[in-house]
Protein backbone atom coordinates (compact mmCIF):
# COMPACT_ATOMS: atom_id res chain seq x y z
CA MET A 1 -34.08 -11.04 -0.96
CA PHE A 2 -33.64 -14.79 -0.89
CA GLN A 3 -37.21 -15.40 -1.98
CA GLN A 4 -36.39 -13.57 -5.21
CA LEU A 5 -33.39 -15.86 -5.73
CA ASN A 6 -35.38 -19.06 -5.42
CA ALA A 7 -35.91 -19.23 -9.18
CA THR A 8 -32.19 -18.95 -10.00
CA ALA A 9 -30.33 -20.48 -7.03
CA TYR A 10 -29.55 -24.18 -7.02
CA HIS A 11 -30.97 -26.45 -4.33
CA PRO A 12 -31.07 -30.27 -4.46
CA LYS A 13 -34.77 -30.33 -3.56
CA CYS A 14 -36.28 -26.96 -4.47
CA ASN A 15 -34.41 -26.07 -7.69
CA THR A 16 -32.16 -28.66 -9.30
CA PHE A 17 -31.56 -26.54 -12.44
CA GLY A 18 -30.44 -23.36 -10.67
CA GLN A 19 -27.02 -21.72 -10.43
CA ASP A 20 -24.55 -22.56 -7.69
CA ILE A 21 -24.51 -19.36 -5.60
CA PHE A 22 -25.26 -20.52 -2.02
CA ARG A 23 -23.30 -22.19 0.77
CA ARG A 24 -25.08 -23.11 3.98
CA ILE A 25 -23.29 -22.34 7.25
CA PRO A 26 -22.11 -23.28 9.79
CA CYS A 27 -20.15 -26.17 8.32
CA PRO A 28 -19.35 -29.25 10.43
CA LYS A 29 -16.01 -28.88 12.14
CA ASP A 30 -13.13 -30.39 10.14
CA LYS A 31 -15.58 -31.59 7.46
CA PHE A 32 -16.90 -30.33 4.16
CA CYS A 33 -19.88 -28.00 4.10
CA VAL A 34 -23.22 -29.69 3.42
CA ASP A 35 -23.50 -28.16 -0.07
CA GLU A 36 -20.17 -29.62 -1.24
CA ASP A 37 -21.36 -32.76 -3.05
CA SER A 38 -18.15 -32.99 -5.12
CA PRO A 39 -15.23 -33.33 -2.68
CA TRP A 40 -12.71 -33.44 -5.54
CA ASN A 41 -13.64 -29.82 -6.34
CA VAL A 42 -12.73 -28.56 -2.86
CA ILE A 43 -9.27 -27.02 -2.43
CA LYS A 44 -7.10 -28.99 0.00
CA ASN A 45 -7.39 -27.94 3.67
CA ASN A 46 -10.65 -26.06 2.99
CA GLN A 47 -14.29 -26.85 3.75
CA PHE A 48 -15.83 -25.41 0.61
CA THR A 49 -14.74 -23.97 -2.73
CA TYR A 50 -16.71 -21.57 -4.85
CA VAL A 51 -15.49 -21.25 -8.44
CA ILE A 52 -16.21 -18.16 -10.53
CA LYS A 53 -15.71 -18.56 -14.27
CA ASN A 54 -15.83 -15.11 -15.82
CA ASN A 55 -12.75 -14.44 -17.90
CA GLY A 56 -14.33 -12.04 -20.37
CA GLN A 57 -15.03 -8.99 -18.20
CA PRO A 58 -13.71 -8.18 -14.70
CA ARG A 59 -16.35 -7.35 -12.11
CA PHE A 60 -16.65 -7.00 -8.36
CA TRP A 61 -17.87 -9.98 -6.33
CA TYR A 62 -19.12 -9.81 -2.76
CA VAL A 63 -19.62 -12.38 -0.03
CA SER A 64 -22.83 -11.84 1.95
CA MET A 65 -23.77 -13.72 5.12
CA VAL A 66 -27.49 -13.50 5.83
CA ALA A 67 -29.40 -14.88 8.83
CA CYS A 68 -31.98 -16.87 6.84
CA TYR A 69 -32.78 -20.54 6.39
CA LEU A 70 -34.74 -22.49 3.78
CA ASP A 71 -37.74 -24.62 4.75
CA GLU A 72 -37.15 -27.58 2.48
CA ASP A 73 -40.77 -28.73 2.77
CA THR A 74 -42.30 -25.49 1.49
CA CYS A 75 -39.16 -24.11 -0.27
CA THR A 76 -39.62 -20.77 1.47
CA TRP A 77 -37.09 -18.65 3.35
CA HIS A 78 -37.43 -17.63 6.99
CA HIS A 79 -35.48 -15.50 9.45
CA TYR A 80 -32.81 -17.35 11.42
CA SER A 81 -33.51 -16.10 14.94
CA GLY A 82 -30.77 -17.92 16.84
CA ALA A 83 -28.93 -21.15 17.58
CA PRO A 84 -30.92 -24.40 17.19
CA SER A 85 -32.23 -26.24 20.23
CA PRO A 86 -30.41 -29.30 21.56
CA ASP A 87 -32.79 -31.62 19.67
CA ASN A 88 -32.07 -29.59 16.49
CA LYS A 89 -35.80 -29.24 15.75
CA THR A 90 -36.49 -25.64 16.73
CA LEU A 91 -34.62 -22.34 16.90
CA THR A 92 -33.86 -20.47 20.09
CA ASN A 93 -33.22 -16.78 20.66
CA MET A 94 -29.64 -17.43 21.71
CA PRO A 95 -27.18 -15.55 19.44
CA GLN A 96 -24.80 -17.72 17.46
CA THR A 97 -21.24 -16.69 16.66
CA ILE A 98 -19.87 -17.70 13.28
CA GLN A 99 -16.12 -18.14 12.88
CA TYR A 100 -14.97 -17.87 9.29
CA ASP A 101 -11.80 -17.55 7.25
CA PHE A 102 -12.32 -16.83 3.55
CA TRP A 103 -9.54 -16.96 0.98
CA LEU A 104 -10.31 -15.20 -2.29
CA VAL A 105 -7.85 -15.35 -5.20
CA ASN A 106 -7.77 -14.51 -8.90
CA GLY A 107 -7.03 -17.89 -10.45
CA SER A 108 -7.24 -21.53 -9.49
CA PRO A 109 -5.01 -22.71 -6.62
CA ASN A 110 -5.00 -26.16 -8.23
CA LEU A 111 -3.00 -24.89 -11.19
CA SER A 112 0.76 -25.26 -10.81
CA VAL A 113 1.50 -22.21 -12.95
CA TYR A 114 0.01 -18.81 -12.15
CA ASN A 115 1.15 -15.21 -12.02
CA SER A 116 2.20 -14.54 -8.43
CA MET A 117 2.02 -10.79 -9.14
CA LEU A 118 -1.74 -11.01 -9.79
CA TYR A 119 -2.90 -14.10 -7.93
CA GLN A 120 -3.70 -12.64 -4.50
CA PHE A 121 -4.86 -9.21 -5.70
CA SER A 122 -8.27 -7.94 -6.62
CA PHE A 123 -8.38 -6.80 -10.24
CA ASP A 124 -8.45 -3.12 -9.26
CA ARG A 125 -5.23 -3.63 -7.23
CA GLN A 126 -3.35 -5.81 -9.72
CA ASN A 127 -0.01 -4.44 -11.05
CA THR A 128 0.37 -2.14 -8.03
CA LEU A 129 3.36 -4.21 -6.89
CA GLU A 130 5.12 -3.46 -10.18
CA LEU A 131 4.36 0.25 -9.73
CA TYR A 132 5.77 0.30 -6.20
CA LEU A 133 8.92 -1.57 -7.28
CA LEU A 134 9.47 0.74 -10.26
CA PHE A 135 9.38 3.92 -8.19
CA TRP A 136 11.34 2.26 -5.38
CA LEU A 137 14.16 1.69 -7.87
CA CYS A 138 13.94 5.34 -8.95
CA TYR A 139 14.28 6.55 -5.36
CA ILE A 140 17.11 4.07 -4.73
CA ILE A 141 19.07 6.06 -7.33
CA LEU A 142 17.83 9.54 -6.39
CA LEU A 143 18.25 9.33 -2.60
CA PRO A 144 22.02 8.59 -2.46
CA VAL A 145 22.61 11.37 -4.99
CA GLN A 146 20.69 13.84 -2.83
CA ILE A 147 22.46 12.68 0.35
CA TYR A 148 25.76 13.41 -1.36
CA ALA A 149 24.44 16.85 -2.31
CA VAL A 150 23.33 17.73 1.22
CA ARG A 151 26.68 16.59 2.64
CA THR A 152 28.44 18.79 0.11
CA GLN A 153 26.27 21.83 0.79
CA ARG A 154 24.82 21.94 4.30
CA HIS A 155 22.05 24.42 3.74
CA PRO A 156 18.58 24.60 5.36
CA VAL A 157 16.86 24.38 1.96
CA THR A 158 18.70 21.22 0.90
CA LYS A 159 18.22 19.71 4.37
CA LEU A 160 14.45 20.31 4.23
CA PHE A 161 14.23 18.85 0.74
CA THR A 162 16.29 15.81 1.75
CA SER A 163 14.02 15.22 4.75
CA SER A 164 10.98 15.17 2.46
CA LEU A 165 12.76 12.77 0.09
CA VAL A 166 13.77 10.43 2.94
CA LEU A 167 10.17 10.31 4.21
CA GLU A 168 8.94 9.44 0.73
CA PHE A 169 11.53 6.69 0.38
CA VAL A 170 10.70 5.16 3.78
CA ALA A 171 6.98 5.28 2.95
CA LEU A 172 7.64 3.53 -0.34
CA CYS A 173 9.74 0.87 1.42
CA PHE A 174 6.85 0.16 3.79
CA ASN A 175 4.39 -0.13 0.91
CA VAL A 176 6.74 -2.41 -1.04
CA LEU A 177 7.18 -4.73 1.96
CA HIS A 178 3.43 -4.90 2.51
CA THR A 179 2.66 -5.53 -1.16
CA VAL A 180 5.34 -8.21 -1.55
CA LYS A 181 4.05 -9.99 1.56
CA PHE A 182 0.47 -9.64 0.29
CA ALA A 183 1.47 -11.18 -3.05
CA ALA A 184 2.82 -14.17 -1.11
CA ASP A 185 0.01 -14.84 1.37
CA GLY A 186 -2.88 -12.49 0.63
CA VAL A 187 -2.54 -10.82 4.05
CA GLY A 188 0.55 -8.60 4.04
CA PHE A 189 1.44 -6.16 6.81
CA ALA A 190 -1.64 -4.01 7.30
CA GLY A 191 -0.01 -1.80 9.95
CA LEU A 192 3.03 -1.25 7.75
CA ALA A 193 0.80 -0.22 4.86
CA VAL A 194 -0.98 2.37 7.02
CA ALA A 195 2.36 3.74 8.27
CA GLY A 196 3.59 3.96 4.69
CA ASP A 197 0.54 5.91 3.53
CA ILE A 198 0.79 8.38 6.43
CA LEU A 199 4.52 8.93 5.85
CA ASP A 200 3.74 9.52 2.19
CA ILE A 201 1.27 12.26 3.16
CA MET A 202 3.83 13.79 5.53
CA SER A 203 6.45 13.80 2.78
CA ARG A 204 4.15 15.65 0.38
CA THR A 205 3.12 18.23 2.96
CA LEU A 206 6.78 18.83 3.88
CA PHE A 207 7.58 19.28 0.20
CA MET A 208 4.70 21.76 -0.06
CA LEU A 209 6.18 23.72 2.88
CA LEU A 210 9.51 23.91 1.03
CA LEU A 211 7.77 25.29 -2.07
CA LEU A 212 6.00 27.96 -0.02
CA LEU A 213 9.21 29.03 1.72
CA LEU A 214 11.11 29.33 -1.55
CA ALA A 215 8.22 31.22 -3.15
CA LYS A 216 8.46 33.78 -0.34
CA GLY A 217 12.14 34.21 -1.22
CA TRP A 218 13.50 32.52 1.91
CA ALA A 219 17.21 31.73 1.46
CA VAL A 220 17.07 33.16 -2.07
CA THR A 221 16.38 36.89 -1.69
CA ARG A 222 16.15 37.10 2.12
CA LEU A 223 17.34 35.19 5.15
CA GLU A 224 14.48 36.24 7.43
CA LEU A 225 11.08 34.63 6.82
CA THR A 226 8.05 36.92 7.08
CA TYR A 227 4.62 35.82 8.40
CA LYS A 228 5.98 32.66 10.00
CA PRO A 229 2.81 31.83 11.99
CA LEU A 230 0.68 32.06 8.84
CA VAL A 231 2.98 29.89 6.74
CA PHE A 232 3.40 27.15 9.31
CA GLY A 233 -0.26 27.38 10.35
CA VAL A 234 -1.51 26.77 6.81
CA TRP A 235 1.00 23.96 6.38
CA MET A 236 -0.12 22.21 9.58
CA VAL A 237 -3.82 22.60 8.73
CA TYR A 238 -3.32 21.05 5.30
CA GLY A 239 -1.29 18.15 6.70
CA ILE A 240 -3.75 17.41 9.51
CA VAL A 241 -6.77 17.57 7.20
CA HIS A 242 -5.05 15.27 4.70
CA ILE A 243 -4.23 12.68 7.38
CA LEU A 244 -7.78 12.89 8.77
CA LEU A 245 -9.10 12.33 5.24
CA TYR A 246 -7.02 9.17 4.97
CA VAL A 247 -8.25 7.86 8.33
CA TRP A 248 -11.86 8.72 7.48
CA ASN A 249 -11.59 7.08 4.05
CA THR A 250 -10.20 3.83 5.46
CA THR A 251 -12.63 3.55 8.38
CA GLU A 252 -15.90 5.19 7.34
CA VAL A 253 -16.30 4.76 3.58
CA ASP A 254 -18.00 1.48 2.65
CA ILE A 255 -16.08 -0.42 -0.02
CA ILE A 256 -19.35 -1.24 -1.78
CA GLU A 257 -19.76 2.44 -2.66
CA GLU A 258 -16.83 2.08 -5.11
CA ILE A 259 -15.56 5.64 -4.62
CA ASP A 260 -12.06 6.97 -4.08
CA GLU A 261 -10.96 9.43 -1.40
CA TYR A 262 -11.37 12.46 -3.66
CA GLN A 263 -15.06 11.75 -4.31
CA THR A 264 -16.04 12.51 -0.71
CA TRP A 265 -16.53 15.85 1.03
CA PRO A 266 -13.24 15.55 3.00
CA GLY A 267 -11.50 14.84 -0.31
CA TRP A 268 -13.00 17.95 -1.92
CA LEU A 269 -11.90 19.92 1.16
CA VAL A 270 -8.29 18.78 0.69
CA LEU A 271 -8.40 19.68 -3.01
CA THR A 272 -9.87 23.09 -2.20
CA LEU A 273 -7.09 23.76 0.33
CA ARG A 274 -4.51 22.66 -2.23
CA VAL A 275 -5.89 25.06 -4.86
CA ALA A 276 -5.97 27.89 -2.29
CA ILE A 277 -2.34 27.21 -1.29
CA MET A 278 -1.39 27.09 -4.98
CA THR A 279 -2.95 30.54 -5.51
CA TRP A 280 -1.07 31.87 -2.50
CA PHE A 281 2.12 30.29 -3.86
CA ILE A 282 1.71 32.11 -7.20
CA LEU A 283 1.11 35.47 -5.51
CA GLU A 284 4.13 35.09 -3.22
CA LEU A 285 6.36 34.01 -6.09
CA ARG A 286 5.22 36.97 -8.20
CA ASN A 287 5.94 39.35 -5.35
CA THR A 288 9.40 37.84 -4.82
CA MET A 289 10.31 38.12 -8.50
CA MET A 290 9.17 41.75 -8.70
CA TYR A 291 11.82 42.82 -6.19
CA GLU A 292 14.60 40.62 -7.57
CA HIS A 293 16.97 41.82 -10.32
CA ASN A 294 19.72 39.20 -10.12
CA MET A 295 19.47 37.16 -13.33
CA PRO A 296 20.64 33.78 -11.93
CA LYS A 297 18.09 34.10 -9.12
CA LEU A 298 15.35 35.15 -11.55
CA ASN A 299 16.10 32.16 -13.77
CA PHE A 300 15.95 29.88 -10.75
CA LEU A 301 12.63 31.35 -9.59
CA LEU A 302 11.21 31.06 -13.10
CA HIS A 303 12.07 27.37 -13.52
CA PHE A 304 11.17 26.64 -9.91
CA GLY A 305 7.77 28.31 -10.27
CA ALA A 306 6.89 26.50 -13.52
CA SER A 307 7.74 23.05 -12.18
CA SER A 308 6.09 23.69 -8.80
CA LEU A 309 2.89 24.90 -10.43
CA VAL A 310 2.65 21.62 -12.37
CA TRP A 311 3.04 19.72 -9.10
CA PHE A 312 0.33 21.77 -7.41
CA VAL A 313 -2.23 21.49 -10.18
CA TYR A 314 -1.91 17.82 -11.16
CA LEU A 315 -3.90 16.39 -8.23
CA PRO A 316 -7.15 18.41 -8.78
CA ILE A 317 -6.98 17.56 -12.48
CA ILE A 318 -6.62 13.81 -12.03
CA ALA A 319 -9.32 13.87 -9.32
CA LEU A 320 -11.72 15.27 -11.94
CA ILE A 321 -10.56 12.82 -14.60
CA ALA A 322 -10.96 9.91 -12.17
CA LEU A 323 -14.69 10.63 -11.99
CA GLN A 324 -14.98 9.31 -15.55
CA ILE A 325 -12.85 6.21 -14.99
CA SER A 326 -14.25 2.82 -14.01
CA PRO A 327 -13.62 1.77 -10.40
CA LEU A 328 -11.81 -1.25 -11.83
CA TRP A 329 -9.03 1.05 -13.10
CA ARG A 330 -9.40 4.16 -10.92
CA PHE A 331 -7.07 3.21 -8.05
CA LYS A 332 -4.21 2.21 -10.37
CA PHE A 333 -4.70 5.37 -12.43
CA ILE A 334 -4.52 7.70 -9.41
CA LEU A 335 -1.62 5.76 -7.86
CA GLY A 336 0.44 5.79 -11.05
CA ILE A 337 -0.09 9.49 -11.82
CA THR A 338 0.50 10.54 -8.21
CA TYR A 339 3.78 8.65 -7.83
CA SER A 340 4.95 9.78 -11.28
CA ALA A 341 4.28 13.45 -10.51
CA ASP A 342 5.93 13.27 -7.08
CA CYS A 343 9.00 11.46 -8.42
CA LEU A 344 9.36 13.98 -11.26
CA ALA A 345 9.00 16.88 -8.80
CA PHE A 346 11.72 15.41 -6.57
CA CYS A 347 14.04 14.94 -9.56
CA VAL A 348 13.51 18.52 -10.77
CA MET A 349 14.08 19.93 -7.28
CA ALA A 350 17.23 17.85 -6.85
CA HIS A 351 18.47 19.29 -10.14
CA LEU A 352 17.68 22.88 -9.15
CA LEU A 353 19.28 22.52 -5.72
CA TRP A 354 22.43 20.75 -6.87
CA PRO A 355 25.40 22.42 -5.06
CA THR A 356 27.26 23.65 -8.15
CA ARG A 357 24.04 25.20 -9.44
CA SER A 358 22.36 26.45 -6.25
CA GLU A 359 25.43 28.35 -5.03
CA GLN A 360 24.53 30.95 -7.67
CA TYR A 361 21.22 31.86 -6.05
CA LEU A 362 21.02 30.44 -2.50
CA LEU A 363 22.13 32.67 0.36
CA LEU A 364 24.75 30.81 2.38
CA ALA A 365 24.85 32.34 5.85
CA PRO A 366 28.00 31.82 7.91
CA SER A 367 27.90 30.25 11.35
CA ASP A 368 28.26 33.66 13.04
CA TYR A 369 25.34 35.10 11.11
CA THR A 370 23.83 36.80 14.19
CA ALA A 371 27.05 38.63 14.97
CA GLY A 372 27.35 39.59 11.33
CA ILE A 373 23.95 41.25 11.36
CA GLU A 374 24.91 43.35 14.39
CA GLU A 375 28.07 44.54 12.59
CA LEU A 376 26.30 45.21 9.29
CA ASP A 377 26.57 48.99 9.63
CA GLU A 378 30.30 48.76 10.19
CA PHE A 379 30.67 46.64 7.06
CA ASN A 380 28.62 49.12 5.04
CA GLU A 381 31.08 51.86 5.93
CA SER A 382 34.18 49.79 5.16
CA PRO A 383 35.91 49.59 1.75
CA HIS A 384 34.71 46.92 -0.66
CA VAL A 385 38.19 45.35 -0.80
CA VAL A 386 38.59 43.40 2.41
CA HIS A 387 42.02 42.04 3.39
CA SER A 388 41.15 39.02 5.55
CA ASP A 389 41.39 35.28 5.61
CA THR A 390 37.76 34.89 6.73
CA VAL A 391 34.47 35.13 4.89
CA ALA A 392 33.18 38.70 4.73
CA LEU A 393 29.84 40.33 4.00
CA THR A 394 29.96 43.10 1.43
CA THR A 395 26.99 45.21 0.47
CA VAL A 396 26.86 46.62 -3.00
CA GLU A 397 24.28 48.88 -4.49
CA SER A 398 22.20 47.31 -7.19
CA ILE A 399 22.43 49.15 -10.47
CA ASN A 400 18.82 48.49 -11.40
CA ALA A 401 17.14 48.88 -7.99
CA ASP A 402 17.02 51.10 -4.95
CA ASP A 403 17.32 48.13 -2.55
CA GLU A 404 20.66 46.67 -1.54
CA ASP A 405 21.69 43.10 -2.39
CA VAL A 406 23.60 41.19 0.25
CA ILE A 407 26.21 38.92 -1.30
CA PHE A 408 28.82 36.68 0.22
CA THR A 409 32.39 37.07 -0.99
CA ARG A 410 35.72 35.51 -0.15
CA PRO A 411 38.99 37.50 -0.47
CA HIS A 412 41.75 36.28 -2.70
CA LYS A 413 45.29 36.07 -1.33
CA ASN A 414 46.41 39.03 -3.42
CA GLY A 415 43.70 41.23 -1.88
CA THR A 416 41.06 41.08 -4.67
CA ILE A 417 37.57 39.82 -3.98
CA PHE A 418 35.72 37.13 -5.90
CA SER A 419 32.30 35.72 -5.15
């Protein structure tokens, strides 16, 4: 490889007209590297500086350390077998450990004015800090509103949705902290970033569980959930596979391959599972709506199904579109679309589950629900006008269906019932 570069690489003896692309290591301790013949060009507190002047078109640059050395007498390259002998004339077979600390930035550190939002980031990661801050501000507004809603209406559906929203907000806080720290020093909090990504995955899988439960009519048309092992089993499989994909993508995929997580076989597996769950979601929602004749509930299921279907289908679509996008823009494209779709889905769900709206279609079970089920027959035989100061269950026959709708009513002081 280096023999091919002899014609283009600069060397003071072998090629004085070549390009400056090499630095010989190791460098003398606390001194400049041997190839730095212009000390004024070296950044303060560093041993060498390599300047890249390419403002027209962004491209990826790589640092490669190769165990070769140049014979300056013959201008040929040879394998560097080990540390030099004490007289520094021959090489031994003793392995040599190289300690290095590279600092790569977009822009010159010698300039007093530079964009701190872009300086420490690779081009494909620039502007991600602005994205994180934008959606963090959105969740700062949405989360307190939803906490107020769940305190007003303590219902399992709103509690599950709020848990998903809290996880998403915490994940975003972790990512914001890491990115802000990275913008300052180029290092950030790597562990915090990993925790944020995993919490983000958990938030999305929990939100998917909520969509499946509502599609099956849980807390809307029925209080008892059917096929619990299947529902929770599919949910756990999807979440585990998604987390394993993230771990595999961060540890096994070589960055030089310039691919995103959805261009690998684990990524296609996650997308396939998502499409399969989406199909199941549609079938369950259709089945729920067929046996429901209450118009407020049907309207809720219709709007809920339309918005949820958009959330399900967006990820496979952008994964296909990303195949045609340059790696320089792909990460920002996927990140922006993903966070936008999730934030919109949370806003729509918060709107649908707002207490004054959801009380029209959510089943609100009393605290003594178990005892109420045991006394259901007695209630069926009682008159529909109940004189009591407590909440009562009244069953009425549906005009348009053979099944019975269970509604919750509260008696008025004058003896009439209103729901």
